[in-house]
C-alpha atoms as a PDB file:
ATOM      1  CA  MET A   1      11.880 146.630   9.874  1.00  0.00           C
ATOM      2  CA  ALA A   2      14.027 147.044  12.655  1.00  0.00           C
ATOM      3  CA  LEU A   3      17.665 147.642  12.087  1.00  0.00           C
ATOM      4  CA  ASN A   4      19.545 144.665  12.763  1.00  0.00           C
ATOM      5  CA  GLY A   5      22.472 143.755  15.052  1.00  0.00           C
ATOM      6  CA  LEU A   6      25.261 144.816  12.943  1.00  0.00           C
ATOM      7  CA  HIS A   7      23.217 148.032  11.995  1.00  0.00           C
ATOM      8  CA  THR A   8      22.211 149.053  15.623  1.00  0.00           C
ATOM      9  CA  PHE A   9      25.934 148.384  16.526  1.00  0.00           C
ATOM     10  CA  LEU A  10      27.262 150.964  13.662  1.00  0.00           C
ATOM     11  CA  PHE A  11      24.136 153.590  14.279  1.00  0.00           C
ATOM     12  CA  SER A  12      25.149 153.557  18.246  1.00  0.00           C
ATOM     13  CA  TYR A  13      28.851 153.593  17.274  1.00  0.00           C
ATOM     14  CA  ALA A  14      28.393 156.644  15.118  1.00  0.00           C
ATOM     15  CA  CYS A  15      26.076 158.538  17.229  1.00  0.00           C
ATOM     16  CA  ILE A  16      28.702 158.137  20.303  1.00  0.00           C
ATOM     17  CA  ALA A  17      31.577 159.464  17.792  1.00  0.00           C
ATOM     18  CA  HIS A  18      29.683 162.661  17.003  1.00  0.00           C
ATOM     19  CA  VAL A  19      29.220 162.997  20.488  1.00  0.00           C
ATOM     20  CA  LEU A  20      32.795 162.802  20.789  1.00  0.00           C
ATOM     21  CA  TYR A  21      33.187 165.156  17.616  1.00  0.00           C
ATOM     22  CA  LEU A  22      31.373 167.960  19.583  1.00  0.00           C
ATOM     23  CA  THR A  23      33.328 167.608  22.547  1.00  0.00           C
ATOM     24  CA  ILE A  24      36.130 168.234  21.312  1.00  0.00           C
ATOM     25  CA  VAL A  25      34.982 171.092  18.780  1.00  0.00           C
ATOM     26  CA  ILE A  26      33.330 172.786  21.776  1.00  0.00           C
ATOM     27  CA  SER A  27      37.207 172.138  23.285  1.00  0.00           C
ATOM     28  CA  ILE A  28      38.997 173.972  20.160  1.00  0.00           C
ATOM     29  CA  VAL A  29      36.476 176.511  20.374  1.00  0.00           C
ATOM     30  CA  PHE A  30      36.645 177.282  23.866  1.00  0.00           C
ATOM     31  CA  GLN A  31      40.391 176.894  24.472  1.00  0.00           C
ATOM     32  CA  ARG A  32      41.159 179.119  21.522  1.00  0.00           C
ATOM     33  CA  LYS A  33      41.620 182.092  23.506  1.00  0.00           C
ATOM     34  CA  SER A  34      44.250 180.449  25.698  1.00  0.00           C
ATOM     35  CA  ALA A  35      45.981 178.115  23.497  1.00  0.00           C
ATOM     36  CA  SER A  36      47.883 179.191  20.260  1.00  0.00           C
ATOM     37  CA  ILE A  37      47.618 175.757  18.972  1.00  0.00           C
ATOM     38  CA  MET A  38      44.204 175.802  19.088  1.00  0.00           C
ATOM     39  CA  ARG A  39      44.095 178.752  16.979  1.00  0.00           C
ATOM     40  CA  GLY A  40      46.267 177.183  14.544  1.00  0.00           C
ATOM     41  CA  SER A  41      45.107 176.076  11.082  1.00  0.00           C
ATOM     42  CA  PHE A  42      44.638 172.547  11.495  1.00  0.00           C
ATOM     43  CA  PHE A  43      42.179 172.772  14.432  1.00  0.00           C
ATOM     44  CA  SER A  44      40.449 175.608  12.002  1.00  0.00           C
ATOM     45  CA  LEU A  45      40.405 173.028   9.173  1.00  0.00           C
ATOM     46  CA  VAL A  46      38.890 170.427  11.393  1.00  0.00           C
ATOM     47  CA  LEU A  47      35.987 172.896  12.756  1.00  0.00           C
ATOM     48  CA  GLY A  48      35.235 173.560   9.023  1.00  0.00           C
ATOM     49  CA  HIS A  49      34.983 169.940   8.103  1.00  0.00           C
ATOM     50  CA  TYR A  50      32.864 168.858  10.932  1.00  0.00           C
ATOM     51  CA  PHE A  51      30.185 170.749   9.158  1.00  0.00           C
ATOM     52  CA  ALA A  52      30.780 168.142   6.757  1.00  0.00           C
ATOM     53  CA  ASP A  53      31.158 165.235   8.628  1.00  0.00           C
ATOM     54  CA  VAL A  54      27.686 165.845  10.559  1.00  0.00           C
ATOM     55  CA  ILE A  55      25.788 166.551   7.175  1.00  0.00           C
ATOM     56  CA  TYR A  56      27.426 162.886   6.129  1.00  0.00           C
ATOM     57  CA  PHE A  57      25.794 161.458   9.227  1.00  0.00           C
ATOM     58  CA  ILE A  58      22.740 163.016   9.105  1.00  0.00           C
ATOM     59  CA  GLU A  59      22.133 162.561   5.534  1.00  0.00           C
ATOM     60  CA  PHE A  60      23.263 158.931   5.360  1.00  0.00           C
ATOM     61  CA  ASN A  61      21.702 157.485   8.528  1.00  0.00           C
ATOM     62  CA  ILE A  62      18.254 158.998   7.800  1.00  0.00           C
ATOM     63  CA  LEU A  63      18.146 158.840   4.011  1.00  0.00           C
ATOM     64  CA  MET A  64      20.277 155.573   3.600  1.00  0.00           C
ATOM     65  CA  ARG A  65      20.015 153.781   6.865  1.00  0.00           C
ATOM     66  CA  GLY A  66      16.278 154.692   7.472  1.00  0.00           C
ATOM     67  CA  ARG A  67      15.623 154.019   3.684  1.00  0.00           C
ATOM     68  CA  LYS A  68      16.892 150.902   3.812  1.00  0.00           C
ATOM     69  CA  TYR A  69      15.017 149.702   6.947  1.00  0.00           C
ATOM     70  CA  GLY A  70      11.940 151.440   6.220  1.00  0.00           C
ATOM     71  CA  TYR A  71      11.611 154.143   8.565  1.00  0.00           C
ATOM     72  CA  LEU A  72      10.742 156.503   5.795  1.00  0.00           C
ATOM     73  CA  THR A  73       8.422 154.043   4.020  1.00  0.00           C
ATOM     74  CA  SER A  74       5.479 155.700   5.752  1.00  0.00           C
ATOM     75  CA  PHE A  75       6.022 159.077   4.489  1.00  0.00           C
ATOM     76  CA  PHE A  76       5.537 158.261   1.062  1.00  0.00           C
ATOM     77  CA  GLU A  77       2.607 156.725  -1.252  1.00  0.00           C
ATOM     78  CA  GLN A  78       2.298 155.179  -4.525  1.00  0.00           C
ATOM     79  CA  GLY A  79       2.457 157.836  -7.390  1.00  0.00           C
ATOM     80  CA  SER A  80       3.661 160.538  -5.150  1.00  0.00           C
ATOM     81  CA  PRO A  81       5.980 162.926  -6.862  1.00  0.00           C
ATOM     82  CA  SER A  82       7.977 162.864  -3.763  1.00  0.00           C
ATOM     83  CA  LEU A  83       9.287 159.363  -5.003  1.00  0.00           C
ATOM     84  CA  ILE A  84      10.937 160.956  -7.637  1.00  0.00           C
ATOM     85  CA  ILE A  85      11.998 164.108  -5.883  1.00  0.00           C
ATOM     86  CA  VAL A  86      12.969 162.915  -2.996  1.00  0.00           C
ATOM     87  CA  PRO A  87      15.636 160.308  -4.477  1.00  0.00           C
ATOM     88  CA  ARG A  88      17.061 162.903  -6.642  1.00  0.00           C
ATOM     89  CA  ILE A  89      17.986 164.790  -3.712  1.00  0.00           C
ATOM     90  CA  SER A  90      18.835 162.096  -1.602  1.00  0.00           C
ATOM     91  CA  THR A  91      21.518 160.886  -4.127  1.00  0.00           C
ATOM     92  CA  ALA A  92      22.827 164.214  -4.758  1.00  0.00           C
ATOM     93  CA  LEU A  93      23.275 165.279  -1.108  1.00  0.00           C
ATOM     94  CA  HIS A  94      25.237 161.779  -0.362  1.00  0.00           C
ATOM     95  CA  TYR A  95      27.632 162.281  -3.394  1.00  0.00           C
ATOM     96  CA  TYR A  96      28.137 165.851  -3.208  1.00  0.00           C
ATOM     97  CA  ILE A  97      28.938 165.641   0.608  1.00  0.00           C
ATOM     98  CA  LYS A  98      31.558 162.546  -0.043  1.00  0.00           C
ATOM     99  CA  ILE A  99      33.351 164.982  -2.398  1.00  0.00           C
ATOM    100  CA  VAL A 100      33.841 167.760   0.056  1.00  0.00           C
ATOM    101  CA  VAL A 101      35.277 165.170   2.074  1.00  0.00           C
ATOM    102  CA  TYR A 102      37.588 164.201  -0.488  1.00  0.00           C
ATOM    103  CA  ILE A 103      38.627 167.668  -1.177  1.00  0.00           C
ATOM    104  CA  GLY A 104      38.728 168.451   2.879  1.00  0.00           C
ATOM    105  CA  GLN A 105      41.540 165.587   2.763  1.00  0.00           C
ATOM    106  CA  ILE A 106      43.563 166.924   0.239  1.00  0.00           C
ATOM    107  CA  VAL A 107      43.422 170.301   2.111  1.00  0.00           C
ATOM    108  CA  PHE A 108      44.158 168.511   5.119  1.00  0.00           C
ATOM    109  CA  ALA A 109      47.434 166.801   3.448  1.00  0.00           C
ATOM    110  CA  ILE A 110      48.549 170.208   1.797  1.00  0.00           C
ATOM    111  CA  ASN A 111      47.907 171.934   5.371  1.00  0.00           C
ATOM    112  CA  ARG A 112      50.291 168.857   6.941  1.00  0.00           C
ATOM    113  CA  LEU A 113      53.219 169.267   4.405  1.00  0.00           C
ATOM    114  CA  THR A 114      53.539 172.784   4.995  1.00  0.00           C
ATOM    115  CA  SER A 115      53.541 172.848   8.469  1.00  0.00           C
ATOM    116  CA  ALA A 116      56.661 170.576   7.722  1.00  0.00           C
ATOM    117  CA  MET A 117      58.002 172.821   5.412  1.00  0.00           C
ATOM    118  CA  PHE A 118      57.235 176.220   7.356  1.00  0.00           C
ATOM    119  CA  PRO A 119      56.981 175.066  11.063  1.00  0.00           C
ATOM    120  CA  MET A 120      57.580 178.425  12.326  1.00  0.00           C
ATOM    121  CA  SER A 121      55.656 180.212   9.405  1.00  0.00           C
ATOM    122  CA  PHE A 122      53.080 178.037   8.114  1.00  0.00           C
ATOM    123  CA  ASN A 123      50.157 179.647   9.910  1.00  0.00           C
ATOM    124  CA  HIS A 124      50.785 182.669   8.751  1.00  0.00           C
ATOM    125  CA  ILE A 125      50.405 181.271   4.989  1.00  0.00           C
ATOM    126  CA  TRP A 126      47.170 179.539   6.096  1.00  0.00           C
ATOM    127  CA  THR A 127      45.592 182.960   6.391  1.00  0.00           C
ATOM    128  CA  HIS A 128      41.490 183.330   7.546  1.00  0.00           C
ATOM    129  CA  LYS A 129      41.228 184.637   4.042  1.00  0.00           C
ATOM    130  CA  LEU A 130      42.773 181.927   2.402  1.00  0.00           C
ATOM    131  CA  LEU A 131      40.601 179.651   4.728  1.00  0.00           C
ATOM    132  CA  LEU A 132      37.454 181.274   3.380  1.00  0.00           C
ATOM    133  CA  VAL A 133      38.578 180.645  -0.186  1.00  0.00           C
ATOM    134  CA  ILE A 134      39.543 177.021   0.446  1.00  0.00           C
ATOM    135  CA  TRP A 135      35.908 176.629   1.699  1.00  0.00           C
ATOM    136  CA  PHE A 136      34.426 178.152  -0.669  1.00  0.00           C
ATOM    137  CA  PHE A 137      35.530 176.136  -3.531  1.00  0.00           C
ATOM    138  CA  GLN A 138      35.183 172.982  -1.257  1.00  0.00           C
ATOM    139  CA  TRP A 139      32.099 173.525  -1.003  1.00  0.00           C
ATOM    140  CA  THR A 140      30.310 174.988  -4.372  1.00  0.00           C
ATOM    141  CA  LEU A 141      33.103 172.673  -6.881  1.00  0.00           C
ATOM    142  CA  PRO A 142      30.856 169.429  -6.075  1.00  0.00           C
ATOM    143  CA  LEU A 143      27.947 171.221  -7.249  1.00  0.00           C
ATOM    144  CA  ALA A 144      29.077 170.784 -10.851  1.00  0.00           C
ATOM    145  CA  ALA A 145      29.976 166.970 -10.519  1.00  0.00           C
ATOM    146  CA  VAL A 146      26.215 166.185  -8.956  1.00  0.00           C
ATOM    147  CA  LEU A 147      23.817 168.761 -10.275  1.00  0.00           C
ATOM    148  CA  PRO A 148      23.833 167.543 -13.971  1.00  0.00           C
ATOM    149  CA  ILE A 149      22.827 164.482 -13.202  1.00  0.00           C
ATOM    150  CA  ASN A 150      20.252 164.712 -10.237  1.00  0.00           C
ATOM    151  CA  LEU A 151      18.546 167.495 -12.335  1.00  0.00           C
ATOM    152  CA  ASN A 152      18.465 165.780 -15.800  1.00  0.00           C
ATOM    153  CA  MET A 153      14.917 164.365 -16.130  1.00  0.00           C
ATOM    154  CA  HIS A 154      16.198 162.025 -18.526  1.00  0.00           C
ATOM    155  CA  PHE A 155      18.126 160.122 -15.738  1.00  0.00           C
ATOM    156  CA  ASP A 156      15.600 157.348 -14.170  1.00  0.00           C
ATOM    157  CA  ILE A 157      16.153 157.667 -10.347  1.00  0.00           C
ATOM    158  CA  ARG A 158      13.317 156.769  -8.519  1.00  0.00           C
ATOM    159  CA  TYR A 159      12.301 155.095  -5.078  1.00  0.00           C
ATOM    160  CA  ILE A 160      10.058 152.209  -5.127  1.00  0.00           C
ATOM    161  CA  ILE A 161       7.639 150.844  -2.782  1.00  0.00           C
ATOM    162  CA  TYR A 162       7.649 147.142  -1.781  1.00  0.00           C
ATOM    163  CA  PRO A 163       4.618 146.883   0.788  1.00  0.00           C
ATOM    164  CA  SER A 164       5.284 143.409   2.029  1.00  0.00           C
ATOM    165  CA  GLU A 165       8.831 144.538   2.968  1.00  0.00           C
ATOM    166  CA  GLY A 166       7.522 147.661   4.071  1.00  0.00           C
ATOM    167  CA  THR A 167      10.905 149.314   2.354  1.00  0.00           C
ATOM    168  CA  LEU A 168      11.786 151.429  -0.145  1.00  0.00           C
ATOM    169  CA  ARG A 169      14.187 151.099  -2.504  1.00  0.00           C
ATOM    170  CA  LEU A 170      16.525 153.405  -4.913  1.00  0.00           C
ATOM    171  CA  GLU A 171      16.536 152.301  -8.293  1.00  0.00           C
ATOM    172  CA  ASN A 172      18.569 154.130 -11.217  1.00  0.00           C
ATOM    173  CA  ASP A 173      18.855 153.460 -14.571  1.00  0.00           C
ATOM    174  CA  PRO A 174      22.389 151.998 -16.150  1.00  0.00           C
ATOM    175  CA  VAL A 175      23.587 155.110 -17.512  1.00  0.00           C
ATOM    176  CA  SER A 176      23.313 157.233 -14.184  1.00  0.00           C
ATOM    177  CA  THR A 177      24.170 154.380 -11.975  1.00  0.00           C
ATOM    178  CA  ASP A 178      27.571 154.256 -14.246  1.00  0.00           C
ATOM    179  CA  ILE A 179      28.067 158.089 -14.133  1.00  0.00           C
ATOM    180  CA  ILE A 180      27.659 158.271 -10.613  1.00  0.00           C
ATOM    181  CA  ALA A 181      29.737 155.459 -10.066  1.00  0.00           C
ATOM    182  CA  TYR A 182      32.271 156.503 -12.043  1.00  0.00           C
ATOM    183  CA  ILE A 183      32.523 160.412 -10.551  1.00  0.00           C
ATOM    184  CA  ASP A 184      32.414 158.665  -7.044  1.00  0.00           C
ATOM    185  CA  MET A 185      35.523 156.686  -7.837  1.00  0.00           C
ATOM    186  CA  ALA A 186      37.416 159.148  -9.938  1.00  0.00           C
ATOM    187  CA  THR A 187      37.123 162.128  -7.132  1.00  0.00           C
ATOM    188  CA  SER A 188      38.012 159.076  -4.614  1.00  0.00           C
ATOM    189  CA  VAL A 189      41.118 158.292  -6.386  1.00  0.00           C
ATOM    190  CA  THR A 190      42.108 161.850  -7.057  1.00  0.00           C
ATOM    191  CA  GLY A 191      41.755 162.658  -3.630  1.00  0.00           C
ATOM    192  CA  THR A 192      43.867 159.542  -2.631  1.00  0.00           C
ATOM    193  CA  PHE A 193      46.553 159.802  -5.067  1.00  0.00           C
ATOM    194  CA  PHE A 194      47.237 163.650  -4.310  1.00  0.00           C
ATOM    195  CA  SER A 195      46.944 163.165  -0.478  1.00  0.00           C
ATOM    196  CA  LEU A 196      49.297 160.207  -0.754  1.00  0.00           C
ATOM    197  CA  ILE A 197      51.574 162.156  -2.558  1.00  0.00           C
ATOM    198  CA  MET A 198      51.464 165.060  -0.030  1.00  0.00           C
ATOM    199  CA  TYR A 199      51.867 162.791   2.913  1.00  0.00           C
ATOM    200  CA  VAL A 200      54.942 160.827   1.572  1.00  0.00           C
ATOM    201  CA  LEU A 201      56.448 164.122   0.840  1.00  0.00           C
ATOM    202  CA  THR A 202      55.527 165.306   4.166  1.00  0.00           C
ATOM    203  CA  CYS A 203      57.216 162.273   5.824  1.00  0.00           C
ATOM    204  CA  PHE A 204      60.593 162.848   3.919  1.00  0.00           C
ATOM    205  CA  VAL A 205      60.426 166.543   5.299  1.00  0.00           C
ATOM    206  CA  VAL A 206      59.944 165.992   9.004  1.00  0.00           C
ATOM    207  CA  ARG A 207      62.810 163.508   9.234  1.00  0.00           C
ATOM    208  CA  ARG A 208      65.108 166.640   9.358  1.00  0.00           C
ATOM    209  CA  ASP A 209      63.406 168.132  12.157  1.00  0.00           C
ATOM    210  CA  MET A 210      61.043 166.391  15.055  1.00  0.00           C
ATOM    211  CA  ALA A 211      61.898 168.479  17.897  1.00  0.00           C
ATOM    212  CA  GLY A 212      59.751 171.488  19.783  1.00  0.00           C
ATOM    213  CA  GLN A 213      56.911 172.539  17.769  1.00  0.00           C
ATOM    214  CA  VAL A 214      57.371 169.988  14.792  1.00  0.00           C
ATOM    215  CA  ASN A 215      56.985 167.284  17.636  1.00  0.00           C
ATOM    216  CA  ILE A 216      53.413 168.648  18.267  1.00  0.00           C
ATOM    217  CA  GLU A 217      52.833 168.972  14.264  1.00  0.00           C
ATOM    218  CA  LEU A 218      54.046 165.516  14.010  1.00  0.00           C
ATOM    219  CA  ARG A 219      51.075 163.938  16.152  1.00  0.00           C
ATOM    220  CA  LEU A 220      48.891 166.319  14.107  1.00  0.00           C
ATOM    221  CA  LEU A 221      50.343 164.896  11.223  1.00  0.00           C
ATOM    222  CA  ALA A 222      49.113 161.005  12.428  1.00  0.00           C
ATOM    223  CA  SER A 223      45.920 161.845  13.030  1.00  0.00           C
ATOM    224  CA  ALA A 224      45.783 163.257   9.206  1.00  0.00           C
ATOM    225  CA  ILE A 225      47.149 160.136   8.372  1.00  0.00           C
ATOM    226  CA  ILE A 226      44.792 158.096  10.399  1.00  0.00           C
ATOM    227  CA  VAL A 227      41.865 159.577   8.147  1.00  0.00           C
ATOM    228  CA  PHE A 228      43.201 159.179   4.865  1.00  0.00           C
ATOM    229  CA  ILE A 229      43.940 155.554   5.569  1.00  0.00           C
ATOM    230  CA  VAL A 230      40.070 155.026   5.770  1.00  0.00           C
ATOM    231  CA  LEU A 231      39.374 157.331   2.846  1.00  0.00           C
ATOM    232  CA  SER A 232      41.798 155.045   1.263  1.00  0.00           C
ATOM    233  CA  VAL A 233      39.771 152.075   1.939  1.00  0.00           C
ATOM    234  CA  ASN A 234      36.841 153.724   0.537  1.00  0.00           C
ATOM    235  CA  THR A 235      38.772 154.486  -2.580  1.00  0.00           C
ATOM    236  CA  VAL A 236      39.996 150.812  -2.712  1.00  0.00           C
ATOM    237  CA  MET A 237      36.116 149.633  -2.471  1.00  0.00           C
ATOM    238  CA  GLN A 238      35.117 151.888  -5.598  1.00  0.00           C
ATOM    239  CA  ILE A 239      37.470 150.298  -7.900  1.00  0.00           C
ATOM    240  CA  LEU A 240      36.564 147.098  -6.840  1.00  0.00           C
ATOM    241  CA  THR A 241      33.025 147.726  -7.306  1.00  0.00           C
ATOM    242  CA  ILE A 242      33.340 149.457 -10.628  1.00  0.00           C
ATOM    243  CA  LEU A 243      35.860 145.992 -11.500  1.00  0.00           C
ATOM    244  CA  GLN A 244      32.494 143.695 -10.080  1.00  0.00           C
ATOM    245  CA  ASN A 245      29.945 145.701 -12.444  1.00  0.00           C
ATOM    246  CA  LYS A 246      32.140 146.281 -15.618  1.00  0.00           C
ATOM    247  CA  VAL A 247      34.645 143.437 -15.982  1.00  0.00           C
ATOM    248  CA  GLY A 248      32.564 140.769 -13.797  1.00  0.00           C
ATOM    249  CA  LEU A 249      35.669 140.591 -11.268  1.00  0.00           C
ATOM    250  CA  SER A 250      34.715 137.653  -8.972  1.00  0.00           C
ATOM    251  CA  GLY A 251      35.712 137.184  -5.248  1.00  0.00           C
ATOM    252  CA  VAL A 252      34.859 140.980  -4.224  1.00  0.00           C
ATOM    253  CA  MET A 253      31.110 140.758  -3.837  1.00  0.00           C
ATOM    254  CA  PHE A 254      32.145 140.972   0.175  1.00  0.00           C
ATOM    255  CA  ILE A 255      32.433 144.872  -0.703  1.00  0.00           C
ATOM    256  CA  ASN A 256      28.528 145.410  -0.904  1.00  0.00           C
ATOM    257  CA  ASP A 257      28.560 144.009   3.127  1.00  0.00           C
ATOM    258  CA  LEU A 258      31.118 146.505   3.624  1.00  0.00           C
ATOM    259  CA  SER A 259      29.747 149.503   2.271  1.00  0.00           C
ATOM    260  CA  TYR A 260      27.387 150.789   5.288  1.00  0.00           C
ATOM    261  CA  PRO A 261      30.484 150.285   7.524  1.00  0.00           C
ATOM    262  CA  VAL A 262      33.024 151.790   5.733  1.00  0.00           C
ATOM    263  CA  ASN A 263      30.654 155.068   5.080  1.00  0.00           C
ATOM    264  CA  ASP A 264      30.217 155.286   8.968  1.00  0.00           C
ATOM    265  CA  LEU A 265      33.744 155.369   9.587  1.00  0.00           C
ATOM    266  CA  ILE A 266      34.265 158.318   6.991  1.00  0.00           C
ATOM    267  CA  TYR A 267      32.249 160.453   8.961  1.00  0.00           C
ATOM    268  CA  THR A 268      33.381 159.304  12.406  1.00  0.00           C
ATOM    269  CA  ILE A 269      36.968 158.905  11.908  1.00  0.00           C
ATOM    270  CA  GLN A 270      38.170 162.360  12.775  1.00  0.00           C
ATOM    271  CA  PRO A 271      37.368 162.256  16.100  1.00  0.00           C
ATOM    272  CA  TRP A 272      39.058 159.320  17.109  1.00  0.00           C
ATOM    273  CA  ALA A 273      42.112 159.991  15.100  1.00  0.00           C
ATOM    274  CA  LEU A 274      42.740 163.233  16.575  1.00  0.00           C
ATOM    275  CA  LEU A 275      42.092 161.734  20.214  1.00  0.00           C
ATOM    276  CA  MET A 276      44.573 158.645  19.791  1.00  0.00           C
ATOM    277  CA  SER A 277      46.823 160.551  18.232  1.00  0.00           C
ATOM    278  CA  SER A 278      47.049 163.813  19.858  1.00  0.00           C
ATOM    279  CA  SER A 279      47.710 164.385  23.367  1.00  0.00           C
ATOM    280  CA  VAL A 280      47.218 168.116  23.269  1.00  0.00           C
ATOM    281  CA  ILE A 281      43.465 167.570  21.817  1.00  0.00           C
ATOM    282  CA  ARG A 282      43.216 165.233  24.824  1.00  0.00           C
ATOM    283  CA  SER A 283      44.510 167.799  27.498  1.00  0.00           C
ATOM    284  CA  HIS A 284      42.510 170.376  25.956  1.00  0.00           C
ATOM    285  CA  ILE A 285      39.314 168.052  26.120  1.00  0.00           C
ATOM    286  CA  TYR A 286      39.910 167.312  30.064  1.00  0.00           C
ATOM    287  CA  ALA A 287      40.376 171.159  30.601  1.00  0.00           C
ATOM    288  CA  THR A 288      37.163 172.036  29.172  1.00  0.00           C
ATOM    289  CA  LEU A 289      35.044 169.513  30.596  1.00  0.00           C
ATOM    290  CA  ARG A 290      36.486 170.937  33.686  1.00  0.00           C
ATOM    291  CA  GLY A 291      35.372 174.741  32.454  1.00  0.00           C
ATOM    292  CA  LYS A 292      39.136 175.656  32.552  1.00  0.00           C
ATOM    293  CA  HIS A 293      41.477 177.150  30.220  1.00  0.00           C
ATOM    294  CA  TYR A 294      44.663 174.843  29.408  1.00  0.00           C
ATOM    295  CA  GLU A 295      47.666 176.088  30.969  1.00  0.00           C
END
């Protein structure tokens, strides 16, 4: 079954976004030697977060969208162990990388708050050693949330082949479905709540000083807030999904149709946010495309 018009557009958009994303990453790396702003902690976090978004992009389009539209069906046979093994890996990877992204959002928010509170010295706080520690916990802590579920063979997580439709359907038992939904909602709400607090505090702080370097940091703050808004929409969707499934909340069936577009936005919003809000990144991209260091 071929992608319909909407999903063809979404997939094309995602590919374009990640070409832009890669261009930004190359520009950051290329310009770091000559531009001090590119050596700052914010852009180091962008480089680190890039890997999470790329993994999200790949797993979502291959294991989720590819399964939905039958591109994976030919790789499976009735009765094959892969019908049990692959969906566990797919589910674990999907929710694992989402939690990595949620944690990354909190880290960006804290980074922006410290940049506002200590505009002249915050990069001395965000040392390379600290970044390595943050990345270690960002990529290991989510394992504690997803592995106990997907390694528990008492839970029924499997693909079902529908030959007449030429598709695979992911089916979970009710208990694992609920646990996964609650974990996704809890981590999303936590990330949104703490990030909101950080950004509110940051906005109060930056009102005191909007000149010089702080003005540059304000543009980076705007970029981070744009990403935060998209993740907040995802959080609202998680809450509505729980309410729909558990208390029969009516009028929210539309969230099922928004699931794919919102996921696509989560792993593609970063490059657009940087491009729209920061003239610094636009100037450095232009210089990189010309093969020159920005002056």
